[in-house]
PDB file of N, CA and C in Angstrom:
ATOM      1  N   MET A   1      10.972 -17.648   8.637  1.00  0.00           N
ATOM      2  CA  MET A   1      11.198 -16.608   7.562  1.00  0.00           C
ATOM      3  C   MET A   1      11.209 -17.635   5.838  1.00  0.00           C
ATOM      4  N   ILE A   2      11.498 -16.016   4.606  1.00  0.00           N
ATOM      5  CA  ILE A   2      10.644 -16.452   3.989  1.00  0.00           C
ATOM      6  C   ILE A   2      11.826 -17.024   3.088  1.00  0.00           C
ATOM      7  N   ALA A   3      11.317 -18.465   2.464  1.00  0.00           N
ATOM      8  CA  ALA A   3      11.959 -19.268   1.350  1.00  0.00           C
ATOM      9  C   ALA A   3      12.605 -18.920  -0.287  1.00  0.00           C
ATOM     10  N   VAL A   4      13.081 -18.882  -0.906  1.00  0.00           N
ATOM     11  CA  VAL A   4      13.771 -17.472  -2.251  1.00  0.00           C
ATOM     12  C   VAL A   4      13.587 -18.763  -2.940  1.00  0.00           C
ATOM     13  N   SER A   5      13.014 -18.179  -3.892  1.00  0.00           N
ATOM     14  CA  SER A   5      12.759 -18.621  -4.956  1.00  0.00           C
ATOM     15  C   SER A   5      13.784 -18.577  -6.392  1.00  0.00           C
ATOM     16  N   TYR A   6      14.563 -19.767  -6.638  1.00  0.00           N
ATOM     17  CA  TYR A   6      15.492 -19.427  -7.717  1.00  0.00           C
ATOM     18  C   TYR A   6      14.908 -18.528  -8.828  1.00  0.00           C
ATOM     19  N   PRO A   7      13.885 -19.812  -9.493  1.00  0.00           N
ATOM     20  CA  PRO A   7      13.248 -19.913 -10.421  1.00  0.00           C
ATOM     21  C   PRO A   7      12.235 -18.236 -11.675  1.00  0.00           C
ATOM     22  N   LEU A   8      11.952 -17.924 -10.172  1.00  0.00           N
ATOM     23  CA  LEU A   8      11.039 -16.887  -9.821  1.00  0.00           C
ATOM     24  C   LEU A   8      11.767 -15.643  -9.594  1.00  0.00           C
ATOM     25  N   ASN A   9      12.715 -15.367  -9.128  1.00  0.00           N
ATOM     26  CA  ASN A   9      14.196 -14.293  -8.997  1.00  0.00           C
ATOM     27  C   ASN A   9      15.189 -14.118 -10.431  1.00  0.00           C
ATOM     28  N   LYS A  10      15.399 -15.397 -11.217  1.00  0.00           N
ATOM     29  CA  LYS A  10      15.671 -15.776 -12.354  1.00  0.00           C
ATOM     30  C   LYS A  10      14.768 -14.427 -13.734  1.00  0.00           C
ATOM     31  N   ILE A  11      13.873 -14.782 -13.803  1.00  0.00           N
ATOM     32  CA  ILE A  11      12.670 -14.306 -14.273  1.00  0.00           C
ATOM     33  C   ILE A  11      12.840 -12.795 -13.832  1.00  0.00           C
ATOM     34  N   LEU A  12      13.087 -12.265 -12.574  1.00  0.00           N
ATOM     35  CA  LEU A  12      12.531 -10.966 -12.447  1.00  0.00           C
ATOM     36  C   LEU A  12      14.097 -10.367 -12.364  1.00  0.00           C
ATOM     37  N   THR A  13      15.398 -10.928 -12.695  1.00  0.00           N
ATOM     38  CA  THR A  13      16.500 -11.197 -12.249  1.00  0.00           C
ATOM     39  C   THR A  13      17.071  -9.829 -14.067  1.00  0.00           C
ATOM     40  N   GLY A  14      16.385 -11.308 -15.031  1.00  0.00           N
ATOM     41  CA  GLY A  14      16.487 -11.351 -16.604  1.00  0.00           C
ATOM     42  C   GLY A  14      15.914  -9.928 -17.043  1.00  0.00           C
ATOM     43  N   LEU A  15      14.177  -9.162 -16.566  1.00  0.00           N
ATOM     44  CA  LEU A  15      14.218  -8.325 -16.866  1.00  0.00           C
ATOM     45  C   LEU A  15      14.148  -7.413 -15.977  1.00  0.00           C
ATOM     46  N   ALA A  16      15.397  -7.118 -14.923  1.00  0.00           N
ATOM     47  CA  ALA A  16      15.381  -6.185 -14.544  1.00  0.00           C
ATOM     48  C   ALA A  16      17.200  -5.473 -15.702  1.00  0.00           C
ATOM     49  N   ARG A  17      17.727  -6.970 -15.283  1.00  0.00           N
ATOM     50  CA  ARG A  17      18.744  -6.585 -16.580  1.00  0.00           C
ATOM     51  C   ARG A  17      18.733  -5.330 -17.578  1.00  0.00           C
ATOM     52  N   ALA A  18      17.445  -6.632 -18.017  1.00  0.00           N
ATOM     53  CA  ALA A  18      16.971  -5.217 -19.130  1.00  0.00           C
ATOM     54  C   ALA A  18      16.219  -3.713 -19.169  1.00  0.00           C
ATOM     55  N   HIS A  19      16.142  -3.316 -18.352  1.00  0.00           N
ATOM     56  CA  HIS A  19      15.231  -2.543 -18.099  1.00  0.00           C
ATOM     57  C   HIS A  19      14.214  -2.371 -18.248  1.00  0.00           C
ATOM     58  N   VAL A  20      13.051  -3.212 -18.132  1.00  0.00           N
ATOM     59  CA  VAL A  20      11.925  -3.843 -18.258  1.00  0.00           C
ATOM     60  C   VAL A  20      10.908  -3.620 -17.383  1.00  0.00           C
ATOM     61  N   THR A  21       9.785  -2.697 -17.181  1.00  0.00           N
ATOM     62  CA  THR A  21       8.974  -2.185 -15.865  1.00  0.00           C
ATOM     63  C   THR A  21       7.538  -2.611 -16.247  1.00  0.00           C
ATOM     64  N   ARG A  22       7.112  -3.608 -15.863  1.00  0.00           N
ATOM     65  CA  ARG A  22       5.896  -3.882 -16.069  1.00  0.00           C
ATOM     66  C   ARG A  22       4.865  -3.864 -14.633  1.00  0.00           C
ATOM     67  N   GLU A  23       3.375  -3.724 -16.080  1.00  0.00           N
ATOM     68  CA  GLU A  23       2.357  -3.654 -14.652  1.00  0.00           C
ATOM     69  C   GLU A  23       1.971  -5.422 -13.915  1.00  0.00           C
ATOM     70  N   LYS A  24       1.885  -6.205 -14.827  1.00  0.00           N
ATOM     71  CA  LYS A  24       2.333  -7.592 -15.356  1.00  0.00           C
ATOM     72  C   LYS A  24       3.010  -8.228 -15.927  1.00  0.00           C
ATOM     73  N   LEU A  25       3.138  -9.798 -16.223  1.00  0.00           N
ATOM     74  CA  LEU A  25       3.529 -10.318 -16.964  1.00  0.00           C
ATOM     75  C   LEU A  25       2.245 -11.047 -17.966  1.00  0.00           C
ATOM     76  N   SER A  26       3.107 -11.731 -18.890  1.00  0.00           N
ATOM     77  CA  SER A  26       1.923 -12.081 -19.884  1.00  0.00           C
ATOM     78  C   SER A  26       2.804 -13.786 -19.944  1.00  0.00           C
ATOM     79  N   ASP A  27       2.018 -14.731 -20.810  1.00  0.00           N
ATOM     80  CA  ASP A  27       2.386 -16.233 -20.952  1.00  0.00           C
ATOM     81  C   ASP A  27       3.548 -16.203 -21.525  1.00  0.00           C
ATOM     82  N   ALA A  28       3.608 -15.776 -22.389  1.00  0.00           N
ATOM     83  CA  ALA A  28       4.900 -15.522 -23.617  1.00  0.00           C
ATOM     84  C   ALA A  28       6.823 -15.150 -22.308  1.00  0.00           C
ATOM     85  N   GLU A  29       6.393 -14.780 -21.580  1.00  0.00           N
ATOM     86  CA  GLU A  29       7.682 -13.908 -21.049  1.00  0.00           C
ATOM     87  C   GLU A  29       7.592 -14.935 -19.822  1.00  0.00           C
ATOM     88  N   LEU A  30       6.599 -16.181 -19.650  1.00  0.00           N
ATOM     89  CA  LEU A  30       6.984 -16.894 -18.186  1.00  0.00           C
ATOM     90  C   LEU A  30       7.215 -17.676 -19.440  1.00  0.00           C
ATOM     91  N   ALA A  31       7.108 -18.630 -20.155  1.00  0.00           N
ATOM     92  CA  ALA A  31       6.886 -19.767 -21.638  1.00  0.00           C
ATOM     93  C   ALA A  31       8.239 -20.026 -21.010  1.00  0.00           C
ATOM     94  N   GLY A  32       8.907 -20.822 -20.626  1.00  0.00           N
ATOM     95  CA  GLY A  32       9.964 -22.114 -20.875  1.00  0.00           C
ATOM     96  C   GLY A  32      10.838 -22.374 -18.966  1.00  0.00           C
ATOM     97  N   HIS A  33       9.809 -21.606 -18.321  1.00  0.00           N
ATOM     98  CA  HIS A  33      10.962 -20.868 -16.733  1.00  0.00           C
ATOM     99  C   HIS A  33       9.963 -22.195 -16.200  1.00  0.00           C
ATOM    100  N   ASP A  34      10.945 -22.666 -15.069  1.00  0.00           N
ATOM    101  CA  ASP A  34      10.726 -23.791 -14.496  1.00  0.00           C
ATOM    102  C   ASP A  34       9.411 -23.267 -12.798  1.00  0.00           C
ATOM    103  N   LEU A  35       8.474 -22.092 -12.930  1.00  0.00           N
ATOM    104  CA  LEU A  35       7.435 -22.183 -11.554  1.00  0.00           C
ATOM    105  C   LEU A  35       6.742 -22.595 -12.046  1.00  0.00           C
ATOM    106  N   SER A  36       5.966 -22.168 -10.317  1.00  0.00           N
ATOM    107  CA  SER A  36       5.508 -23.469  -9.908  1.00  0.00           C
ATOM    108  C   SER A  36       3.488 -22.006 -10.128  1.00  0.00           C
ATOM    109  N   ASP A  37       2.836 -23.397 -10.153  1.00  0.00           N
ATOM    110  CA  ASP A  37       1.164 -22.953 -10.505  1.00  0.00           C
ATOM    111  C   ASP A  37       0.602 -21.328  -9.527  1.00  0.00           C
ATOM    112  N   ALA A  38       1.549 -21.144  -8.763  1.00  0.00           N
ATOM    113  CA  ALA A  38       1.492 -20.339  -7.267  1.00  0.00           C
ATOM    114  C   ALA A  38       2.597 -18.337  -7.955  1.00  0.00           C
ATOM    115  N   GLU A  39       3.259 -19.234  -8.110  1.00  0.00           N
ATOM    116  CA  GLU A  39       4.200 -17.945  -8.776  1.00  0.00           C
ATOM    117  C   GLU A  39       3.952 -17.716 -10.212  1.00  0.00           C
ATOM    118  N   ARG A  40       3.456 -17.611 -11.154  1.00  0.00           N
ATOM    119  CA  ARG A  40       2.773 -17.919 -12.555  1.00  0.00           C
ATOM    120  C   ARG A  40       1.670 -17.075 -12.600  1.00  0.00           C
ATOM    121  N   SER A  41       1.283 -17.955 -11.551  1.00  0.00           N
ATOM    122  CA  SER A  41      -0.189 -16.835 -11.672  1.00  0.00           C
ATOM    123  C   SER A  41      -0.317 -15.103 -10.784  1.00  0.00           C
ATOM    124  N   ALA A  42       0.476 -15.125  -9.428  1.00  0.00           N
ATOM    125  CA  ALA A  42       0.970 -13.923  -9.392  1.00  0.00           C
ATOM    126  C   ALA A  42       1.486 -13.169  -9.345  1.00  0.00           C
ATOM    127  N   LEU A  43       2.416 -13.852 -10.802  1.00  0.00           N
ATOM    128  CA  LEU A  43       3.052 -12.683 -12.437  1.00  0.00           C
ATOM    129  C   LEU A  43       2.386 -12.183 -13.256  1.00  0.00           C
ATOM    130  N   LEU A  44       1.245 -12.955 -13.667  1.00  0.00           N
ATOM    131  CA  LEU A  44       0.618 -12.558 -14.686  1.00  0.00           C
ATOM    132  C   LEU A  44      -0.946 -12.058 -13.809  1.00  0.00           C
ATOM    133  N   ALA A  45      -0.827 -11.732 -12.735  1.00  0.00           N
ATOM    134  CA  ALA A  45      -1.748 -10.989 -11.570  1.00  0.00           C
ATOM    135  C   ALA A  45      -0.989  -9.189 -11.610  1.00  0.00           C
ATOM    136  N   GLY A  46       0.787  -9.662 -11.494  1.00  0.00           N
ATOM    137  CA  GLY A  46       1.610  -8.383 -11.243  1.00  0.00           C
ATOM    138  C   GLY A  46       0.756  -8.481  -9.272  1.00  0.00           C
ATOM    139  N   ASP A  47       1.021  -9.386  -8.857  1.00  0.00           N
ATOM    140  CA  ASP A  47       0.243  -9.757  -7.236  1.00  0.00           C
ATOM    141  C   ASP A  47       1.769  -8.942  -6.883  1.00  0.00           C
ATOM    142  N   ILE A  48       1.909  -8.200  -6.006  1.00  0.00           N
ATOM    143  CA  ILE A  48       3.704  -7.775  -5.212  1.00  0.00           C
ATOM    144  C   ILE A  48       3.677  -8.391  -4.242  1.00  0.00           C
ATOM    145  N   ARG A  49       2.545  -7.904  -3.781  1.00  0.00           N
ATOM    146  CA  ARG A  49       2.406  -9.184  -2.553  1.00  0.00           C
ATOM    147  C   ARG A  49       2.560 -10.692  -1.970  1.00  0.00           C
ATOM    148  N   ARG A  50       2.151 -11.090  -3.300  1.00  0.00           N
ATOM    149  CA  ARG A  50       1.826 -12.893  -3.242  1.00  0.00           C
ATOM    150  C   ARG A  50       3.583 -12.905  -3.723  1.00  0.00           C
ATOM    151  N   LEU A  51       4.322 -12.121  -4.954  1.00  0.00           N
ATOM    152  CA  LEU A  51       5.721 -12.837  -4.805  1.00  0.00           C
ATOM    153  C   LEU A  51       6.483 -12.619  -3.690  1.00  0.00           C
ATOM    154  N   TYR A  52       6.318 -11.619  -3.228  1.00  0.00           N
ATOM    155  CA  TYR A  52       7.294 -11.500  -2.095  1.00  0.00           C
ATOM    156  C   TYR A  52       6.714 -12.586  -0.624  1.00  0.00           C
ATOM    157  N   ASP A  53       5.494 -12.967  -0.930  1.00  0.00           N
ATOM    158  CA  ASP A  53       5.616 -14.427   0.028  1.00  0.00           C
ATOM    159  C   ASP A  53       5.925 -15.361  -0.424  1.00  0.00           C
ATOM    160  N   LEU A  54       6.086 -15.482  -1.795  1.00  0.00           N
ATOM    161  CA  LEU A  54       6.482 -16.875  -2.787  1.00  0.00           C
ATOM    162  C   LEU A  54       7.813 -16.963  -3.003  1.00  0.00           C
ATOM    163  N   GLY A  55       9.029 -15.450  -1.961  1.00  0.00           N
ATOM    164  CA  GLY A  55      10.651 -15.274  -1.580  1.00  0.00           C
ATOM    165  C   GLY A  55      10.847 -14.810  -3.259  1.00  0.00           C
ATOM    166  N   ALA A  56      10.063 -13.280  -3.799  1.00  0.00           N
ATOM    167  CA  ALA A  56      11.000 -12.651  -4.788  1.00  0.00           C
ATOM    168  C   ALA A  56      11.742 -11.882  -3.808  1.00  0.00           C
ATOM    169  N   ASN A  57      12.842 -11.251  -4.538  1.00  0.00           N
ATOM    170  CA  ASN A  57      13.393 -10.673  -3.840  1.00  0.00           C
ATOM    171  C   ASN A  57      12.720  -9.204  -3.781  1.00  0.00           C
ATOM    172  N   PRO A  58      12.311  -8.006  -3.017  1.00  0.00           N
ATOM    173  CA  PRO A  58      12.082  -7.500  -3.275  1.00  0.00           C
ATOM    174  C   PRO A  58      13.147  -6.419  -4.290  1.00  0.00           C
ATOM    175  N   TYR A  59      13.568  -6.305  -3.757  1.00  0.00           N
ATOM    176  CA  TYR A  59      14.221  -5.276  -4.773  1.00  0.00           C
ATOM    177  C   TYR A  59      14.203  -5.691  -6.016  1.00  0.00           C
ATOM    178  N   LEU A  60      14.323  -6.897  -6.839  1.00  0.00           N
ATOM    179  CA  LEU A  60      13.956  -6.888  -8.148  1.00  0.00           C
ATOM    180  C   LEU A  60      12.186  -6.931  -8.369  1.00  0.00           C
ATOM    181  N   ILE A  61      10.856  -6.874  -7.392  1.00  0.00           N
ATOM    182  CA  ILE A  61       9.990  -6.398  -7.431  1.00  0.00           C
ATOM    183  C   ILE A  61       9.859  -5.475  -7.589  1.00  0.00           C
ATOM    184  N   ARG A  62      10.414  -4.443  -6.822  1.00  0.00           N
ATOM    185  CA  ARG A  62      10.288  -2.588  -7.031  1.00  0.00           C
ATOM    186  C   ARG A  62      10.497  -2.795  -8.510  1.00  0.00           C
ATOM    187  N   ARG A  63      11.553  -2.997  -9.208  1.00  0.00           N
ATOM    188  CA  ARG A  63      12.021  -2.710 -10.598  1.00  0.00           C
ATOM    189  C   ARG A  63      11.689  -3.229 -11.507  1.00  0.00           C
ATOM    190  N   VAL A  64      10.945  -4.240 -11.722  1.00  0.00           N
ATOM    191  CA  VAL A  64      10.498  -4.490 -12.842  1.00  0.00           C
ATOM    192  C   VAL A  64       8.646  -4.324 -12.347  1.00  0.00           C
ATOM    193  N   PHE A  65       8.153  -4.498 -10.953  1.00  0.00           N
ATOM    194  CA  PHE A  65       7.064  -3.358 -11.125  1.00  0.00           C
ATOM    195  C   PHE A  65       6.810  -2.042 -10.303  1.00  0.00           C
ATOM    196  N   ARG A  66       7.209  -1.478 -10.966  1.00  0.00           N
ATOM    197  CA  ARG A  66       7.671   0.132 -10.816  1.00  0.00           C
ATOM    198  C   ARG A  66       5.944   0.413 -11.399  1.00  0.00           C
ATOM    199  N   PRO A  67       5.876   0.721 -12.022  1.00  0.00           N
ATOM    200  CA  PRO A  67       4.095   0.789 -12.564  1.00  0.00           C
ATOM    201  C   PRO A  67       3.447   0.646 -11.733  1.00  0.00           C
ATOM    202  N   ARG A  68       3.572  -0.240 -10.420  1.00  0.00           N
ATOM    203  CA  ARG A  68       2.772  -1.087  -9.670  1.00  0.00           C
ATOM    204  C   ARG A  68       2.126   0.314  -8.006  1.00  0.00           C
ATOM    205  N   PHE A  69       3.602   0.747  -8.171  1.00  0.00           N
ATOM    206  CA  PHE A  69       3.998   1.286  -6.853  1.00  0.00           C
ATOM    207  C   PHE A  69       3.723   3.422  -7.246  1.00  0.00           C
ATOM    208  N   PRO A  70       3.666   3.164  -6.080  1.00  0.00           N
ATOM    209  CA  PRO A  70       3.255   5.464  -6.326  1.00  0.00           C
ATOM    210  C   PRO A  70       3.937   5.964  -5.920  1.00  0.00           C
ATOM    211  N   ILE A  71       3.794   6.798  -6.041  1.00  0.00           N
ATOM    212  CA  ILE A  71       5.275   7.630  -6.246  1.00  0.00           C
ATOM    213  C   ILE A  71       6.053   8.696  -5.089  1.00  0.00           C
TER     214      ILE A  71
END
């Protein structure tokens, strides 16, 4: 079972609510969030598989990282 990461999902929820899509996130977007090093590096790289493994909600991953998914 995958553990859910509250800080990771909180950042993704905020971006999804703002209808923001990204290939990857910037340091500025991550500032002030209590993320682990692994979470931070996955967001900076836009590594959707790693984000899922770290406990990000798949729906939120798809909403925020939509450009990384083929149509």
